Amino acid sequence: MIVYRSEVPLTPPQSSPESHGLLGPDLEPEIRIPRHCPAAFLASIPKCGGCQELILDRFILKVLDRTWHAKCLKCSECSGQLSDKCFARNGQVFCKDDFFK
């Protein structure tokens, strides 16, 4: 598993996210992309191999030549989140236990 830092510069809000209700369901600040962003800029932001959404996180996981949100990289068999190691077979990602079944 390779972890990359995102090269997309993101500007945090001027005041705390809590005061503006910008916390999402996972208690992380939501990042909103202005509508006037050039198409070339939007095309440069990687999409997640799991949820197909843009990855605006600080870190990007790269597994099986696809990019992933950390929360979306899950075992294909048990759906457990893969945060340390993962194993791949036939284009699918597995935890150690399910890979060696």
N, C-alpha and C. Protein backbone atom coordinates (compact mmCIF):
# COMPACT_ATOMS: atom_id res chain seq x y z
N MET A 1 0.87 -1.17 0.00
CA MET A 1 0.00 0.00 0.00
C MET A 1 0.91 1.22 0.00
N ILE A 2 0.63 2.16 -0.86
CA ILE A 2 1.40 3.39 -0.95
C ILE A 2 0.51 4.54 -0.53
N VAL A 3 1.01 5.40 0.33
CA VAL A 3 0.25 6.56 0.78
C VAL A 3 0.91 7.80 0.20
N TYR A 4 0.13 8.60 -0.48
CA TYR A 4 0.61 9.83 -1.07
C TYR A 4 -0.02 11.02 -0.36
N ARG A 5 0.72 12.08 -0.25
CA ARG A 5 0.12 13.33 0.21
C ARG A 5 -0.56 13.96 -0.98
N SER A 6 -1.69 14.53 -0.76
CA SER A 6 -2.41 15.19 -1.83
C SER A 6 -1.64 16.43 -2.27
N GLU A 7 -1.56 16.64 -3.56
CA GLU A 7 -0.88 17.82 -4.07
C GLU A 7 -1.86 18.94 -4.37
N VAL A 8 -3.11 18.71 -4.07
CA VAL A 8 -4.14 19.72 -4.31
C VAL A 8 -4.12 20.68 -3.13
N PRO A 9 -3.76 21.95 -3.33
CA PRO A 9 -3.76 22.89 -2.21
C PRO A 9 -5.18 23.21 -1.78
N LEU A 10 -5.43 23.00 -0.51
CA LEU A 10 -6.76 23.28 0.03
C LEU A 10 -6.64 24.37 1.07
N THR A 11 -7.52 25.32 1.03
CA THR A 11 -7.51 26.42 1.97
C THR A 11 -8.57 26.19 3.03
N PRO A 12 -8.16 26.10 4.32
CA PRO A 12 -9.16 25.88 5.37
C PRO A 12 -10.00 27.11 5.57
N PRO A 13 -11.20 26.95 6.14
CA PRO A 13 -12.05 28.11 6.42
C PRO A 13 -11.37 29.05 7.41
N GLN A 14 -11.75 30.31 7.37
CA GLN A 14 -11.13 31.32 8.22
C GLN A 14 -11.43 31.11 9.70
N SER A 15 -12.60 30.57 10.01
CA SER A 15 -12.93 30.29 11.40
C SER A 15 -13.16 28.80 11.55
N SER A 16 -13.45 28.34 12.74
CA SER A 16 -13.56 26.91 12.98
C SER A 16 -14.73 26.30 12.22
N PRO A 17 -14.56 25.05 11.74
CA PRO A 17 -15.66 24.39 11.03
C PRO A 17 -16.87 24.17 11.93
N GLU A 18 -16.64 23.99 13.22
CA GLU A 18 -17.75 23.74 14.12
C GLU A 18 -18.72 24.92 14.16
N SER A 19 -18.18 26.14 14.09
CA SER A 19 -19.04 27.31 14.21
C SER A 19 -19.91 27.54 12.97
N HIS A 20 -19.56 26.90 11.86
CA HIS A 20 -20.32 27.09 10.62
C HIS A 20 -21.07 25.85 10.19
N GLY A 21 -21.07 24.82 11.02
CA GLY A 21 -21.79 23.60 10.67
C GLY A 21 -21.19 22.88 9.49
N LEU A 22 -19.86 22.93 9.33
CA LEU A 22 -19.21 22.30 8.18
C LEU A 22 -18.71 20.89 8.50
N LEU A 23 -19.11 20.35 9.63
CA LEU A 23 -18.66 19.01 9.93
C LEU A 23 -19.61 18.00 9.31
N GLY A 24 -19.03 17.03 8.60
CA GLY A 24 -19.82 16.00 7.96
C GLY A 24 -20.16 14.90 8.94
N PRO A 25 -20.76 13.82 8.45
CA PRO A 25 -21.19 12.72 9.32
C PRO A 25 -20.03 12.03 10.03
N ASP A 26 -18.82 12.09 9.47
CA ASP A 26 -17.66 11.47 10.10
C ASP A 26 -16.90 12.45 10.97
N LEU A 27 -17.51 13.60 11.27
CA LEU A 27 -16.92 14.65 12.10
C LEU A 27 -15.64 15.22 11.49
N GLU A 28 -15.53 15.16 10.19
CA GLU A 28 -14.42 15.78 9.49
C GLU A 28 -14.97 16.98 8.73
N PRO A 29 -14.16 18.04 8.60
CA PRO A 29 -14.65 19.20 7.85
C PRO A 29 -14.97 18.84 6.41
N GLU A 30 -16.08 19.31 5.91
CA GLU A 30 -16.42 19.11 4.51
C GLU A 30 -15.66 20.14 3.69
N ILE A 31 -15.20 19.73 2.53
CA ILE A 31 -14.49 20.64 1.64
C ILE A 31 -15.38 20.87 0.45
N ARG A 32 -15.69 22.11 0.21
CA ARG A 32 -16.57 22.45 -0.91
C ARG A 32 -15.74 23.05 -2.03
N ILE A 33 -15.99 22.57 -3.24
CA ILE A 33 -15.27 23.06 -4.40
C ILE A 33 -16.11 24.15 -5.05
N PRO A 34 -15.54 25.33 -5.24
CA PRO A 34 -16.29 26.40 -5.90
C PRO A 34 -16.73 25.97 -7.31
N ARG A 35 -17.89 26.43 -7.72
CA ARG A 35 -18.42 26.05 -9.04
C ARG A 35 -17.60 26.62 -10.19
N HIS A 36 -16.86 27.66 -9.94
CA HIS A 36 -16.11 28.31 -11.03
C HIS A 36 -14.73 27.69 -11.24
N CYS A 37 -14.43 26.53 -10.65
CA CYS A 37 -13.13 25.88 -10.85
C CYS A 37 -13.00 25.45 -12.31
N PRO A 38 -11.82 25.67 -12.89
CA PRO A 38 -11.61 25.24 -14.28
C PRO A 38 -11.71 23.72 -14.39
N ALA A 39 -12.18 23.26 -15.53
CA ALA A 39 -12.34 21.82 -15.76
C ALA A 39 -11.00 21.10 -15.65
N ALA A 40 -9.93 21.74 -16.08
CA ALA A 40 -8.61 21.11 -16.01
C ALA A 40 -8.20 20.87 -14.56
N PHE A 41 -8.55 21.79 -13.68
CA PHE A 41 -8.25 21.62 -12.25
C PHE A 41 -9.04 20.45 -11.69
N LEU A 42 -10.34 20.39 -11.98
CA LEU A 42 -11.17 19.30 -11.48
C LEU A 42 -10.72 17.96 -12.02
N ALA A 43 -10.26 17.92 -13.26
CA ALA A 43 -9.79 16.67 -13.86
C ALA A 43 -8.51 16.18 -13.21
N SER A 44 -7.76 17.07 -12.58
CA SER A 44 -6.50 16.68 -11.94
C SER A 44 -6.71 16.08 -10.55
N ILE A 45 -7.91 16.21 -9.99
CA ILE A 45 -8.19 15.66 -8.67
C ILE A 45 -8.56 14.19 -8.84
N PRO A 46 -7.85 13.29 -8.15
CA PRO A 46 -8.13 11.86 -8.33
C PRO A 46 -9.49 11.46 -7.77
N LYS A 47 -10.08 10.42 -8.36
CA LYS A 47 -11.35 9.87 -7.87
C LYS A 47 -11.06 8.56 -7.14
N CYS A 48 -11.87 8.30 -6.15
CA CYS A 48 -11.73 7.11 -5.31
C CYS A 48 -12.14 5.86 -6.06
N GLY A 49 -11.36 4.79 -5.92
CA GLY A 49 -11.69 3.51 -6.53
C GLY A 49 -12.87 2.82 -5.87
N GLY A 50 -13.25 3.28 -4.67
CA GLY A 50 -14.38 2.68 -3.96
C GLY A 50 -15.68 3.41 -4.20
N CYS A 51 -15.71 4.70 -3.88
CA CYS A 51 -16.97 5.47 -3.96
C CYS A 51 -17.07 6.34 -5.21
N GLN A 52 -16.01 6.44 -5.98
CA GLN A 52 -15.96 7.23 -7.22
C GLN A 52 -16.07 8.74 -7.00
N GLU A 53 -15.95 9.19 -5.75
CA GLU A 53 -15.99 10.62 -5.44
C GLU A 53 -14.58 11.19 -5.54
N LEU A 54 -14.48 12.52 -5.68
CA LEU A 54 -13.18 13.18 -5.69
C LEU A 54 -12.49 12.98 -4.35
N ILE A 55 -11.18 12.79 -4.38
CA ILE A 55 -10.41 12.64 -3.15
C ILE A 55 -9.79 13.98 -2.81
N LEU A 56 -10.31 14.59 -1.77
CA LEU A 56 -9.82 15.89 -1.32
C LEU A 56 -9.15 15.77 0.05
N ASP A 57 -8.86 14.54 0.46
CA ASP A 57 -8.22 14.30 1.74
C ASP A 57 -6.75 14.70 1.68
N ARG A 58 -6.15 14.81 2.84
CA ARG A 58 -4.73 15.15 2.90
C ARG A 58 -3.88 14.01 2.36
N PHE A 59 -4.29 12.77 2.61
CA PHE A 59 -3.55 11.61 2.14
C PHE A 59 -4.39 10.82 1.15
N ILE A 60 -3.71 10.27 0.14
CA ILE A 60 -4.36 9.47 -0.88
C ILE A 60 -3.71 8.10 -0.87
N LEU A 61 -4.51 7.04 -0.81
CA LEU A 61 -3.97 5.70 -0.86
C LEU A 61 -3.96 5.23 -2.31
N LYS A 62 -2.90 4.56 -2.71
CA LYS A 62 -2.81 4.03 -4.06
C LYS A 62 -2.62 2.53 -3.97
N VAL A 63 -3.64 1.78 -4.41
CA VAL A 63 -3.63 0.32 -4.36
C VAL A 63 -4.19 -0.18 -5.68
N LEU A 64 -3.53 -1.17 -6.28
CA LEU A 64 -3.97 -1.75 -7.56
C LEU A 64 -4.14 -0.69 -8.65
N ASP A 65 -3.22 0.24 -8.71
CA ASP A 65 -3.24 1.31 -9.71
C ASP A 65 -4.50 2.17 -9.63
N ARG A 66 -5.17 2.16 -8.49
CA ARG A 66 -6.32 3.03 -8.25
C ARG A 66 -6.07 3.84 -6.99
N THR A 67 -6.69 4.99 -6.90
CA THR A 67 -6.57 5.83 -5.72
C THR A 67 -7.81 5.63 -4.85
N TRP A 68 -7.64 5.77 -3.52
CA TRP A 68 -8.71 5.47 -2.58
C TRP A 68 -8.72 6.48 -1.44
N HIS A 69 -9.92 6.78 -0.94
CA HIS A 69 -10.04 7.41 0.37
C HIS A 69 -9.62 6.35 1.38
N ALA A 70 -9.03 6.75 2.49
CA ALA A 70 -8.66 5.79 3.53
C ALA A 70 -9.88 5.02 4.03
N LYS A 71 -11.02 5.70 4.14
CA LYS A 71 -12.23 5.04 4.66
C LYS A 71 -12.87 4.10 3.65
N CYS A 72 -12.52 4.20 2.37
CA CYS A 72 -13.14 3.37 1.33
C CYS A 72 -12.35 2.11 1.01
N LEU A 73 -11.11 2.03 1.45
CA LEU A 73 -10.30 0.85 1.16
C LEU A 73 -10.68 -0.24 2.14
N LYS A 74 -11.50 -1.19 1.67
CA LYS A 74 -12.05 -2.24 2.53
C LYS A 74 -11.84 -3.61 1.89
N CYS A 75 -11.81 -4.62 2.74
CA CYS A 75 -11.68 -6.00 2.28
C CYS A 75 -12.90 -6.38 1.44
N SER A 76 -12.66 -7.01 0.31
CA SER A 76 -13.75 -7.42 -0.58
C SER A 76 -14.61 -8.51 0.03
N GLU A 77 -14.07 -9.27 0.97
CA GLU A 77 -14.81 -10.38 1.57
C GLU A 77 -15.57 -9.97 2.82
N CYS A 78 -14.86 -9.37 3.81
CA CYS A 78 -15.49 -9.08 5.11
C CYS A 78 -15.84 -7.60 5.30
N SER A 79 -15.48 -6.76 4.36
CA SER A 79 -15.72 -5.31 4.39
C SER A 79 -15.01 -4.61 5.53
N GLY A 80 -14.00 -5.24 6.10
CA GLY A 80 -13.21 -4.58 7.14
C GLY A 80 -12.30 -3.53 6.53
N GLN A 81 -12.15 -2.41 7.22
CA GLN A 81 -11.32 -1.33 6.72
C GLN A 81 -9.85 -1.75 6.73
N LEU A 82 -9.14 -1.46 5.65
CA LEU A 82 -7.74 -1.84 5.51
C LEU A 82 -6.87 -0.61 5.74
N SER A 83 -6.28 -0.55 6.92
CA SER A 83 -5.50 0.64 7.24
C SER A 83 -4.00 0.38 7.30
N ASP A 84 -3.60 -0.88 7.49
CA ASP A 84 -2.18 -1.17 7.65
C ASP A 84 -1.62 -1.92 6.44
N LYS A 85 -2.19 -3.07 6.17
CA LYS A 85 -1.74 -3.90 5.05
C LYS A 85 -2.95 -4.39 4.29
N CYS A 86 -2.73 -4.69 3.01
CA CYS A 86 -3.79 -5.30 2.23
C CYS A 86 -3.16 -6.24 1.22
N PHE A 87 -3.96 -7.17 0.73
CA PHE A 87 -3.52 -8.18 -0.20
C PHE A 87 -4.47 -8.16 -1.39
N ALA A 88 -3.94 -8.44 -2.58
CA ALA A 88 -4.76 -8.34 -3.78
C ALA A 88 -4.73 -9.64 -4.57
N ARG A 89 -5.89 -9.97 -5.16
CA ARG A 89 -6.01 -11.12 -6.04
C ARG A 89 -7.13 -10.82 -7.04
N ASN A 90 -6.85 -11.00 -8.31
CA ASN A 90 -7.85 -10.81 -9.38
C ASN A 90 -8.53 -9.44 -9.30
N GLY A 91 -7.77 -8.41 -9.00
CA GLY A 91 -8.32 -7.05 -8.97
C GLY A 91 -9.11 -6.71 -7.74
N GLN A 92 -9.16 -7.62 -6.76
CA GLN A 92 -9.88 -7.36 -5.52
C GLN A 92 -8.89 -7.24 -4.37
N VAL A 93 -9.29 -6.49 -3.35
CA VAL A 93 -8.44 -6.22 -2.20
C VAL A 93 -8.98 -7.00 -1.00
N PHE A 94 -8.06 -7.61 -0.23
CA PHE A 94 -8.45 -8.44 0.90
C PHE A 94 -7.60 -8.12 2.13
N CYS A 95 -8.17 -8.42 3.30
CA CYS A 95 -7.38 -8.41 4.53
C CYS A 95 -6.57 -9.71 4.55
N LYS A 96 -5.61 -9.82 5.44
CA LYS A 96 -4.74 -10.99 5.49
C LYS A 96 -5.53 -12.28 5.71
N ASP A 97 -6.47 -12.26 6.66
CA ASP A 97 -7.23 -13.48 6.98
C ASP A 97 -8.04 -13.98 5.79
N ASP A 98 -8.72 -13.09 5.10
CA ASP A 98 -9.54 -13.50 3.96
C ASP A 98 -8.70 -13.86 2.74
N PHE A 99 -7.55 -13.26 2.58
CA PHE A 99 -6.68 -13.58 1.45
C PHE A 99 -6.17 -15.01 1.55
N PHE A 100 -5.84 -15.45 2.77
CA PHE A 100 -5.26 -16.79 2.94
C PHE A 100 -6.29 -17.87 3.27
N LYS A 101 -7.58 -17.59 3.12
CA LYS A 101 -8.62 -18.61 3.33
C LYS A 101 -8.55 -19.67 2.27
